Amino acid sequence: MSNIKKYMEMASARVNESFVGADGFFDDDMSFAGDGVFSYADGMSAAAPTSQPYIIVVTNNSGVAVSNFDILFAYQYLYGGSTTSVNGTSVTGTFAANGSLSITGTGINVTISSGIPNVTYRQLLQQTINNPFSVGLTYLQSVTAGQVLSSINLTTKDANGNTAQKPLIPTIDPYQQQTEIVAMRQMYRIDGYTALTLNTLLSNAIANIYLYPSDNINLARGLAGRPVSRQFGNPGIVKAQTIKIA
């Protein structure tokens, strides 16, 4: 095989294994984008472990649609006790004994829980503070017609008061047959200041949100002399479109 042909095949493989990147805001620390790929190494071996999702289940018990509803935003929910406003009214967040979060207000009753056994939503929020991560793939699922097409606004800030926003627009792949699922291959980071705001949570809807990390930070790894940043391999749940380089 010629060197040119070998190079072109390697380049094509790298393109097909990459996630679509996104430009950031302000400086690199405020960037929503990671390095754009589910990478190859965790610093200890030649192959990265497969990405496993964080699963968030949002249940609307209100009987009416709810607009501009925040999930994540750990610093607010864990230490603030309430969100700013949902449907134009003040709401309060209360954690149940099982670790799920109930958001209640006038005509509003929404529950947020973890979809992973033996891991609570409260624990997930705490982890976003201590172990921030980059999302490479967001997978939305709901049996409620049209719920997965509701846009999501991504908001983050820092202690200096800088804020950044980015819309995530779900679209149905024209080649897929299912209408109750959407996969969004957009890169962004999650920490304690990050909020995912659902534009609309339909009446009696249950929305499952899968966040597949491309990397995360765990300072405890440094105690063993390992890199504190760990990268994860593409979960392979979305078939990549083959790109040929002539």
Protein backbone atom coordinates (compact mmCIF):
# COMPACT_ATOMS: atom_id res chain seq x y z
CA MET A 1 0.00 0.00 0.00
CA SER A 2 1.39 3.40 -0.96
CA ASN A 3 2.06 5.98 1.75
CA ILE A 4 -0.48 8.35 0.18
CA LYS A 5 -3.24 5.74 0.13
CA LYS A 6 -2.48 4.70 3.70
CA TYR A 7 -2.61 8.33 4.85
CA MET A 8 -5.94 8.94 3.13
CA GLU A 9 -7.50 5.85 4.70
CA MET A 10 -6.31 6.89 8.15
CA ALA A 11 -7.65 10.42 7.62
CA SER A 12 -11.02 9.05 6.52
CA ALA A 13 -11.23 6.81 9.61
CA ARG A 14 -10.47 9.71 11.92
CA VAL A 15 -13.20 11.85 10.33
CA ASN A 16 -15.81 9.11 10.68
CA GLU A 17 -14.97 8.52 14.35
CA SER A 18 -15.23 12.19 15.27
CA PHE A 19 -18.14 13.96 16.87
CA VAL A 20 -19.26 17.27 15.41
CA GLY A 21 -17.55 20.04 17.37
CA ALA A 22 -18.93 23.41 18.34
CA ASP A 23 -17.29 26.79 18.72
CA GLY A 24 -17.02 28.08 22.28
CA PHE A 25 -17.60 31.46 23.85
CA PHE A 26 -15.39 33.95 25.67
CA ASP A 27 -12.17 32.00 26.31
CA ASP A 28 -11.25 28.34 26.40
CA ASP A 29 -12.45 27.90 29.98
CA MET A 30 -15.94 29.04 28.96
CA SER A 31 -15.95 26.97 25.79
CA PHE A 32 -18.86 24.59 25.29
CA ALA A 33 -16.70 22.43 23.03
CA GLY A 34 -14.28 19.71 23.97
CA ASP A 35 -11.67 18.52 21.51
CA GLY A 36 -14.40 17.36 19.11
CA VAL A 37 -13.86 13.62 19.32
CA PHE A 38 -14.43 10.63 21.55
CA SER A 39 -10.72 10.00 21.81
CA TYR A 40 -8.48 6.97 21.94
CA ALA A 41 -6.62 6.96 25.26
CA ASP A 42 -7.21 7.38 28.97
CA GLY A 43 -3.52 7.83 29.70
CA MET A 44 -3.04 4.27 30.86
CA SER A 45 -3.85 2.07 27.88
CA ALA A 46 -4.09 2.16 24.11
CA ALA A 47 -7.87 2.03 24.02
CA ALA A 48 -10.32 4.33 25.78
CA PRO A 49 -13.18 2.79 27.80
CA THR A 50 -16.56 3.01 26.12
CA SER A 51 -18.62 6.00 27.19
CA GLN A 52 -21.49 5.17 29.55
CA PRO A 53 -24.34 7.66 29.92
CA TYR A 54 -25.62 9.72 32.79
CA ILE A 55 -29.41 9.31 32.57
CA ILE A 56 -31.87 11.98 33.72
CA VAL A 57 -35.62 11.29 33.82
CA VAL A 58 -37.93 14.33 33.82
CA THR A 59 -41.62 13.69 34.60
CA ASN A 60 -44.28 16.38 34.19
CA ASN A 61 -47.14 15.74 36.62
CA SER A 62 -48.62 19.20 36.13
CA GLY A 63 -51.34 18.38 33.61
CA VAL A 64 -50.21 21.36 31.53
CA ALA A 65 -47.11 22.09 29.45
CA VAL A 66 -44.21 23.68 31.33
CA SER A 67 -41.94 26.20 29.63
CA ASN A 68 -38.28 27.08 30.25
CA PHE A 69 -37.60 24.30 32.72
CA ASP A 70 -34.06 23.92 34.09
CA ILE A 71 -32.27 20.66 34.79
CA LEU A 72 -28.76 20.23 36.22
CA PHE A 73 -27.55 23.70 37.48
CA ALA A 74 -26.23 21.98 40.62
CA TYR A 75 -25.20 25.12 42.52
CA GLN A 76 -28.73 26.48 42.31
CA TYR A 77 -30.63 23.31 43.15
CA LEU A 78 -28.26 22.05 45.86
CA TYR A 79 -27.62 25.36 47.60
CA GLY A 80 -30.21 27.82 46.30
CA GLY A 81 -33.35 25.88 47.23
CA SER A 82 -35.37 27.22 44.31
CA THR A 83 -35.17 28.09 40.64
CA THR A 84 -35.83 31.58 39.30
CA SER A 85 -39.07 31.16 37.36
CA VAL A 86 -41.00 28.52 35.46
CA ASN A 87 -44.09 29.49 33.46
CA GLY A 88 -43.70 32.97 34.92
CA THR A 89 -44.07 31.82 38.52
CA SER A 90 -41.58 31.18 41.33
CA VAL A 91 -40.95 27.51 42.02
CA THR A 92 -39.24 25.59 44.81
CA GLY A 93 -37.03 22.53 44.53
CA THR A 94 -37.29 19.86 47.25
CA PHE A 95 -35.28 16.64 47.41
CA ALA A 96 -37.17 13.47 48.33
CA ALA A 97 -35.72 10.68 50.46
CA ASN A 98 -34.90 8.73 47.29
CA GLY A 99 -32.76 11.59 45.95
CA SER A 100 -35.19 12.76 43.27
CA LEU A 101 -35.99 16.47 42.97
CA SER A 102 -39.55 17.81 43.02
CA ILE A 103 -40.14 21.22 41.44
CA THR A 104 -43.41 22.70 42.66
CA GLY A 105 -45.21 26.01 42.28
CA THR A 106 -48.59 27.34 41.21
CA GLY A 107 -49.90 24.73 38.75
CA ILE A 108 -46.42 23.17 38.41
CA ASN A 109 -45.38 19.72 39.60
CA VAL A 110 -42.30 18.22 37.93
CA THR A 111 -40.02 15.45 39.20
CA ILE A 112 -36.39 14.95 38.14
CA SER A 113 -34.72 11.65 38.93
CA SER A 114 -31.79 9.51 37.88
CA GLY A 115 -32.34 6.71 35.40
CA ILE A 116 -29.39 4.70 36.75
CA PRO A 117 -30.06 2.18 39.56
CA ASN A 118 -28.46 2.98 42.93
CA VAL A 119 -27.47 6.48 41.77
CA THR A 120 -29.72 9.38 42.75
CA TYR A 121 -30.25 12.63 40.91
CA ARG A 122 -28.89 14.46 43.93
CA GLN A 123 -25.68 12.44 43.68
CA LEU A 124 -25.45 13.24 39.98
CA LEU A 125 -25.74 16.97 40.72
CA GLN A 126 -23.02 16.70 43.35
CA GLN A 127 -20.76 14.90 40.88
CA THR A 128 -21.09 17.69 38.31
CA ILE A 129 -19.51 20.02 40.87
CA ASN A 130 -16.63 17.74 41.83
CA ASN A 131 -16.14 15.89 38.53
CA PRO A 132 -17.06 18.13 35.55
CA PHE A 133 -17.32 16.41 32.19
CA SER A 134 -17.72 17.08 28.48
CA VAL A 135 -20.73 15.66 26.63
CA GLY A 136 -20.09 14.21 23.20
CA LEU A 137 -23.55 12.81 22.52
CA THR A 138 -26.98 13.78 23.88
CA TYR A 139 -29.70 11.17 23.41
CA LEU A 140 -33.34 12.18 23.96
CA GLN A 141 -36.19 9.70 24.31
CA SER A 142 -39.90 10.15 25.05
CA VAL A 143 -43.08 8.33 24.09
CA THR A 144 -44.94 11.66 24.23
CA ALA A 145 -45.35 12.81 20.63
CA GLY A 146 -43.19 15.81 19.81
CA GLN A 147 -41.36 16.01 23.15
CA VAL A 148 -37.95 15.06 21.74
CA LEU A 149 -38.15 17.95 19.26
CA SER A 150 -38.32 20.59 21.99
CA SER A 151 -35.20 22.73 21.84
CA ILE A 152 -32.76 22.93 24.75
CA ASN A 153 -30.86 26.02 25.82
CA LEU A 154 -27.44 25.42 27.31
CA THR A 155 -26.31 28.08 29.79
CA THR A 156 -23.13 28.31 31.83
CA LYS A 157 -21.29 30.96 33.80
CA ASP A 158 -18.30 31.47 36.06
CA ALA A 159 -17.68 33.20 39.38
CA ASN A 160 -16.58 36.36 37.53
CA GLY A 161 -20.14 36.75 36.26
CA ASN A 162 -19.36 35.81 32.66
CA THR A 163 -22.20 33.87 31.07
CA ALA A 164 -22.59 31.99 27.81
CA GLN A 165 -25.58 30.44 26.07
CA LYS A 166 -25.97 27.97 23.25
CA PRO A 167 -29.14 26.47 21.72
CA LEU A 168 -29.29 22.72 21.11
CA ILE A 169 -31.81 22.01 18.34
CA PRO A 170 -32.99 18.38 18.06
CA THR A 171 -33.73 17.13 14.55
CA ILE A 172 -35.02 13.78 13.36
CA ASP A 173 -32.60 12.03 11.02
CA PRO A 174 -34.44 11.68 7.67
CA TYR A 175 -33.21 8.08 7.48
CA GLN A 176 -34.48 6.97 10.90
CA GLN A 177 -37.87 5.34 11.41
CA GLN A 178 -38.34 6.09 15.11
CA THR A 179 -39.94 9.39 16.01
CA GLU A 180 -39.58 9.09 19.79
CA ILE A 181 -35.78 9.37 19.89
CA VAL A 182 -33.24 11.98 18.81
CA ALA A 183 -29.45 11.87 19.01
CA MET A 184 -27.56 15.18 19.07
CA ARG A 185 -23.85 15.02 18.39
CA GLN A 186 -22.82 18.38 19.81
CA MET A 187 -19.98 18.97 22.23
CA TYR A 188 -20.45 20.93 25.47
CA ARG A 189 -19.24 20.88 29.03
CA ILE A 190 -21.13 20.26 32.27
CA ASP A 191 -20.17 21.66 35.66
CA GLY A 192 -22.03 23.01 38.69
CA TYR A 193 -22.94 26.24 36.88
CA THR A 194 -24.33 24.54 33.77
CA ALA A 195 -28.08 24.43 33.17
CA LEU A 196 -29.96 22.62 30.42
CA THR A 197 -33.25 24.46 29.92
CA LEU A 198 -36.04 22.55 28.21
CA ASN A 199 -37.98 24.99 26.05
CA THR A 200 -41.16 22.96 26.52
CA LEU A 201 -41.99 20.01 28.74
CA LEU A 202 -45.32 18.78 27.42
CA SER A 203 -48.29 17.86 29.57
CA ASN A 204 -47.83 14.49 31.35
CA ALA A 205 -44.62 13.91 29.40
CA ILE A 206 -41.73 11.75 30.57
CA ALA A 207 -38.46 12.77 28.97
CA ASN A 208 -35.35 10.62 29.25
CA ILE A 209 -32.08 12.48 28.67
CA TYR A 210 -28.89 10.47 28.15
CA LEU A 211 -25.62 12.40 28.44
CA TYR A 212 -22.68 10.44 27.02
CA PRO A 213 -19.40 11.89 28.33
CA SER A 214 -16.40 12.25 26.06
CA ASP A 215 -14.13 12.99 29.03
CA ASN A 216 -14.27 13.87 32.71
CA ILE A 217 -12.11 15.25 35.49
CA ASN A 218 -11.44 13.28 38.68
CA LEU A 219 -8.76 14.77 40.94
CA ALA A 220 -8.50 11.54 42.94
CA ARG A 221 -6.76 9.90 39.95
CA GLY A 222 -3.81 12.20 40.60
CA LEU A 223 -3.25 10.48 43.97
CA ALA A 224 -2.31 7.33 42.05
CA GLY A 225 -0.05 9.23 39.66
CA ARG A 226 -2.59 9.03 36.84
CA PRO A 227 -3.90 11.86 34.66
CA VAL A 228 -6.89 13.58 36.29
CA SER A 229 -8.58 13.83 32.89
CA ARG A 230 -9.98 10.66 31.36
CA GLN A 231 -11.32 10.25 27.85
CA PHE A 232 -14.00 7.82 26.71
CA GLY A 233 -14.59 5.96 23.46
CA ASN A 234 -17.53 6.46 21.13
CA PRO A 235 -20.51 4.47 22.49
CA GLY A 236 -21.45 3.50 18.93
CA ILE A 237 -25.22 3.87 19.39
CA VAL A 238 -25.45 6.16 16.36
CA LYS A 239 -24.29 4.85 13.01
CA ALA A 240 -21.78 7.27 11.56
CA GLN A 241 -22.17 8.41 7.97
CA THR A 242 -19.26 7.16 5.93
CA ILE A 243 -17.17 9.98 4.47
CA LYS A 244 -14.92 9.11 1.58
CA ILE A 245 -11.91 11.21 0.71
CA ALA A 246 -11.10 10.98 -2.98
